[in-house]
Amino acid sequence: MFLIVTKQHLAAALGLVLFVAALSAILWQGTARPVFRQQGTVTRPAVVIVDPGHGGEDGGAVAADGTVESSINLAVALKVEELLFLTGQETEMTRREDISVYSPGAETLREKKVSDLHNRVELVNGMGEGAVLLSIHQNSLPQAKSVRGAQVFYNENAGAEPLAAAIQQAMNQAVNAGGEKSHKAIDGSVYLMAHIDCPGVLVECGFLSNAGEAALLKTEDYQRKLALSITAGYLAGCASVK
């Protein structure tokens, strides 16, 4: 019997090898010292809901050249989902297209935004026990255009804080070199994070108000780097989520 190896097989194998190598580069520093130290057996959540923030009529933050946050959120989120799939983690997406997930009957932009958030909360809480939310966003601070970098926020539910810490550590190593940030508790006014029943982590991947960082955020290579960092941090931190 002869094994026929196609270009697709080779591409898939190469992709998996590169993924493992990339994760190793993020998770390990030097030749023998792990960056993240976990105790005991890693327990993964039953399902990870990957949430690309905003969408459709609600573009979110806007860069100086008109690039909207929602499209970058979706690009990064889809890459995170793909990487999690390769690790065997079950996932669910809140959206796969540039749409707002509002219900029929919502007419004004405000009504659509409110309906969209309610529907995302309903989807997340409908996943039941053992779910985790990873919400992907972009930041903006027009009054301080020099500010840049990725920062991770977490809700008050058990397990969210150490998971956010692990993701922040991965982001600091991969994309925040020289400008490391600390993970923070999220403001209770953020509706999605305040109303879900499970641990929730919101990743602000960068600042669209910073021209240099905005240019990076629009590139597939940088989006892939962000996705790898988020996935690596998740894998390192998921032992803390019960």
Protein backbone atom coordinates (compact mmCIF):
# COMPACT_ATOMS: atom_id res chain seq x y z
CA MET A 1 0.00 0.00 0.00
CA PHE A 2 1.32 3.41 -0.95
CA LEU A 3 0.57 6.54 1.03
CA ILE A 4 -0.30 9.46 -1.23
CA VAL A 5 0.84 12.72 0.34
CA THR A 6 -0.78 15.81 -1.14
CA LYS A 7 0.26 19.43 -0.87
CA GLN A 8 -2.70 19.91 1.49
CA HIS A 9 -1.37 17.20 3.81
CA LEU A 10 2.08 18.78 3.83
CA ALA A 11 0.63 22.23 4.45
CA ALA A 12 -1.47 20.94 7.35
CA ALA A 13 1.50 19.13 8.88
CA LEU A 14 3.74 22.16 8.47
CA GLY A 15 1.07 24.37 10.00
CA LEU A 16 0.81 22.13 13.05
CA VAL A 17 4.60 22.06 13.47
CA LEU A 18 4.78 25.85 13.22
CA PHE A 19 1.94 26.19 15.72
CA VAL A 20 3.68 23.97 18.27
CA ALA A 21 6.94 25.81 17.69
CA ALA A 22 5.28 29.18 18.11
CA LEU A 23 3.58 28.13 21.32
CA SER A 24 6.86 26.75 22.61
CA ALA A 25 8.58 30.06 21.87
CA ILE A 26 5.93 31.92 23.83
CA LEU A 27 5.60 29.47 26.70
CA TRP A 28 9.33 28.85 27.17
CA GLN A 29 12.12 31.32 27.81
CA GLY A 30 15.63 30.10 27.23
CA THR A 31 16.30 26.37 26.95
CA ALA A 32 15.12 24.98 30.24
CA ARG A 33 12.98 27.44 32.17
CA PRO A 34 9.20 27.63 31.60
CA VAL A 35 7.74 31.12 31.74
CA PHE A 36 4.45 29.82 33.12
CA ARG A 37 4.55 27.39 36.02
CA GLN A 38 1.41 25.35 36.59
CA GLN A 39 0.74 22.99 39.46
CA GLY A 40 -1.13 19.74 38.97
CA THR A 41 -3.10 18.61 35.96
CA VAL A 42 -4.37 21.19 33.51
CA THR A 43 -8.16 21.24 33.50
CA ARG A 44 -9.63 22.80 30.38
CA PRO A 45 -13.05 24.44 30.30
CA ALA A 46 -15.84 22.50 28.61
CA VAL A 47 -16.15 25.21 25.96
CA VAL A 48 -14.44 28.51 25.15
CA ILE A 49 -16.69 31.17 23.67
CA VAL A 50 -14.60 33.40 21.40
CA ASP A 51 -16.26 36.79 21.05
CA PRO A 52 -15.17 39.24 18.34
CA GLY A 53 -16.41 42.51 19.81
CA HIS A 54 -18.81 44.82 17.94
CA GLY A 55 -19.73 44.10 14.29
CA GLY A 56 -22.03 45.32 11.53
CA GLU A 57 -23.36 48.81 12.12
CA ASP A 58 -21.36 48.96 15.36
CA GLY A 59 -17.77 49.19 14.18
CA GLY A 60 -16.30 50.06 17.57
CA ALA A 61 -13.13 52.16 17.72
CA VAL A 62 -11.91 53.76 14.47
CA ALA A 63 -8.33 54.39 13.35
CA ALA A 64 -7.29 57.66 11.69
CA ASP A 65 -7.49 56.01 8.25
CA GLY A 66 -11.05 54.82 8.88
CA THR A 67 -10.24 51.21 9.78
CA VAL A 68 -12.85 49.96 12.23
CA GLU A 69 -12.20 47.80 15.24
CA SER A 70 -14.81 45.15 14.43
CA SER A 71 -13.00 43.78 11.38
CA ILE A 72 -9.72 43.35 13.27
CA ASN A 73 -11.54 41.75 16.20
CA LEU A 74 -13.06 39.18 13.85
CA ALA A 75 -9.76 38.41 12.12
CA VAL A 76 -7.94 37.79 15.41
CA ALA A 77 -10.85 35.85 16.94
CA LEU A 78 -11.10 33.46 14.00
CA LYS A 79 -7.38 32.72 14.31
CA VAL A 80 -7.77 32.10 18.05
CA GLU A 81 -10.61 29.70 17.36
CA GLU A 82 -8.52 27.83 14.79
CA LEU A 83 -5.58 27.49 17.17
CA LEU A 84 -7.81 26.30 20.02
CA PHE A 85 -9.31 23.72 17.65
CA LEU A 86 -5.82 22.36 16.98
CA THR A 87 -5.39 21.82 20.73
CA GLY A 88 -8.66 19.85 20.93
CA GLN A 89 -10.55 22.59 22.76
CA GLU A 90 -14.27 22.90 22.00
CA THR A 91 -15.17 26.43 20.95
CA GLU A 92 -18.17 28.59 20.08
CA MET A 93 -18.12 31.93 18.24
CA THR A 94 -20.53 34.79 18.94
CA ARG A 95 -20.22 35.85 15.28
CA ARG A 96 -18.33 34.70 12.18
CA GLU A 97 -19.12 37.61 9.90
CA ASP A 98 -19.07 41.39 10.06
CA ILE A 99 -22.56 41.54 11.53
CA SER A 100 -24.31 42.71 14.67
CA VAL A 101 -26.19 39.88 16.36
CA TYR A 102 -29.33 41.85 17.21
CA SER A 103 -32.84 40.40 17.15
CA PRO A 104 -35.55 41.27 14.61
CA GLY A 105 -37.43 44.38 15.68
CA ALA A 106 -34.37 46.39 16.70
CA GLU A 107 -34.39 49.48 14.48
CA THR A 108 -32.24 52.30 15.84
CA LEU A 109 -28.49 51.90 16.32
CA ARG A 110 -28.97 52.04 20.08
CA GLU A 111 -31.64 49.31 19.98
CA LYS A 112 -29.39 47.15 17.83
CA LYS A 113 -26.43 47.56 20.20
CA VAL A 114 -28.56 46.71 23.25
CA SER A 115 -30.11 43.69 21.52
CA ASP A 116 -26.68 42.53 20.34
CA LEU A 117 -25.26 42.57 23.87
CA HIS A 118 -28.30 40.80 25.31
CA ASN A 119 -28.01 38.08 22.67
CA ARG A 120 -24.30 37.58 23.37
CA VAL A 121 -24.99 37.24 27.09
CA GLU A 122 -27.76 34.74 26.35
CA LEU A 123 -25.43 32.71 24.11
CA VAL A 124 -22.65 32.63 26.71
CA ASN A 125 -24.92 31.74 29.63
CA GLY A 126 -26.62 29.10 27.48
CA MET A 127 -23.34 27.18 27.26
CA GLY A 128 -23.83 26.02 30.84
CA GLU A 129 -21.28 25.13 33.49
CA GLY A 130 -17.64 24.98 32.50
CA ALA A 131 -17.65 27.75 29.89
CA VAL A 132 -15.12 30.55 29.54
CA LEU A 133 -15.43 33.75 27.50
CA LEU A 134 -12.53 35.25 25.52
CA SER A 135 -13.66 38.61 24.14
CA ILE A 136 -11.42 40.25 21.53
CA HIS A 137 -11.29 44.05 21.18
CA GLN A 138 -9.09 46.97 20.11
CA ASN A 139 -8.42 50.02 22.25
CA SER A 140 -8.32 53.73 21.46
CA LEU A 141 -7.07 56.81 23.32
CA PRO A 142 -7.06 59.73 20.85
CA GLN A 143 -5.94 62.22 23.50
CA ALA A 144 -2.71 60.24 24.04
CA LYS A 145 -1.71 58.86 20.66
CA SER A 146 1.65 57.57 21.87
CA VAL A 147 -0.01 54.97 24.13
CA ARG A 148 0.19 51.46 22.73
CA GLY A 149 0.21 47.80 23.79
CA ALA A 150 -2.09 44.88 24.58
CA GLN A 151 -3.90 44.71 27.92
CA VAL A 152 -6.13 42.03 29.45
CA PHE A 153 -9.17 42.62 31.65
CA TYR A 154 -11.24 40.14 33.66
CA ASN A 155 -14.65 39.93 35.29
CA GLU A 156 -15.42 39.03 38.90
CA ASN A 157 -16.26 35.36 38.33
CA ALA A 158 -13.98 32.73 39.87
CA GLY A 159 -11.09 31.72 37.64
CA ALA A 160 -11.09 34.84 35.47
CA GLU A 161 -8.27 36.71 37.22
CA PRO A 162 -5.55 34.02 37.01
CA LEU A 163 -6.54 33.24 33.41
CA ALA A 164 -6.20 36.94 32.55
CA ALA A 165 -2.83 37.04 34.31
CA ALA A 166 -1.50 34.19 32.19
CA ILE A 167 -2.75 35.76 28.96
CA GLN A 168 -1.29 39.14 29.96
CA GLN A 169 2.06 37.52 30.63
CA ALA A 170 2.03 35.93 27.19
CA MET A 171 1.06 39.24 25.57
CA ASN A 172 3.80 41.09 27.44
CA GLN A 173 6.41 38.67 26.19
CA ALA A 174 5.16 38.52 22.61
CA VAL A 175 3.97 42.04 21.74
CA ASN A 176 4.56 44.38 24.71
CA ALA A 177 8.35 44.12 25.05
CA GLY A 178 9.60 47.26 26.77
CA GLY A 179 6.07 48.42 27.56
CA GLU A 180 4.65 45.63 29.68
CA LYS A 181 1.18 46.05 31.12
CA SER A 182 -0.71 44.57 34.07
CA HIS A 183 -4.01 42.71 33.83
CA LYS A 184 -6.91 44.54 35.49
CA ALA A 185 -10.42 43.98 36.78
CA ILE A 186 -12.92 45.31 34.26
CA ASP A 187 -15.35 48.12 34.92
CA GLY A 188 -18.76 46.84 35.97
CA SER A 189 -20.35 49.05 33.33
CA VAL A 190 -19.19 46.71 30.54
CA TYR A 191 -22.50 44.90 30.07
CA LEU A 192 -21.29 41.64 28.55
CA MET A 193 -18.63 41.00 31.16
CA ALA A 194 -20.92 41.98 34.05
CA HIS A 195 -23.86 39.78 33.08
CA ILE A 196 -22.28 36.46 32.09
CA ASP A 197 -22.20 33.60 34.59
CA CYS A 198 -18.76 32.26 33.66
CA PRO A 199 -15.17 33.53 33.87
CA GLY A 200 -14.70 36.25 31.28
CA VAL A 201 -11.50 37.74 29.87
CA LEU A 202 -11.46 40.75 27.55
CA VAL A 203 -8.31 41.30 25.50
CA GLU A 204 -7.60 44.79 24.16
CA CYS A 205 -5.09 43.82 21.46
CA GLY A 206 -3.73 47.31 20.80
CA PHE A 207 -4.50 50.98 20.25
CA LEU A 208 -6.02 52.10 16.96
CA SER A 209 -5.28 55.67 18.07
CA ASN A 210 -1.54 54.90 17.77
CA ALA A 211 -0.69 55.12 14.06
CA GLY A 212 2.20 52.67 14.24
CA GLU A 213 0.28 50.07 16.19
CA ALA A 214 -2.83 50.54 14.04
CA ALA A 215 -0.73 49.70 10.96
CA LEU A 216 0.47 46.50 12.64
CA LEU A 217 -3.00 45.51 13.80
CA LYS A 218 -4.22 45.50 10.20
CA THR A 219 -1.60 42.94 9.07
CA GLU A 220 -2.25 39.21 9.08
CA ASP A 221 1.18 38.42 10.52
CA TYR A 222 0.57 40.60 13.58
CA GLN A 223 -2.97 39.30 13.97
CA ARG A 224 -1.56 35.76 13.96
CA LYS A 225 1.02 36.76 16.57
CA LEU A 226 -1.74 38.14 18.78
CA ALA A 227 -3.81 34.97 18.34
CA LEU A 228 -0.83 32.80 19.24
CA SER A 229 -0.19 34.90 22.35
CA ILE A 230 -3.82 34.68 23.48
CA THR A 231 -3.91 30.93 22.87
CA ALA A 232 -0.61 30.34 24.64
CA GLY A 233 -1.77 32.34 27.65
CA TYR A 234 -5.06 30.46 27.70
CA LEU A 235 -3.29 27.09 27.64
CA ALA A 236 -1.00 28.18 30.47
CA GLY A 237 -3.80 29.64 32.58
CA CYS A 238 -6.68 27.27 32.04
CA ALA A 239 -5.58 25.11 34.98
CA SER A 240 -6.92 27.91 37.18
CA VAL A 241 -10.41 27.71 35.66
CA LYS A 242 -12.52 25.03 37.34
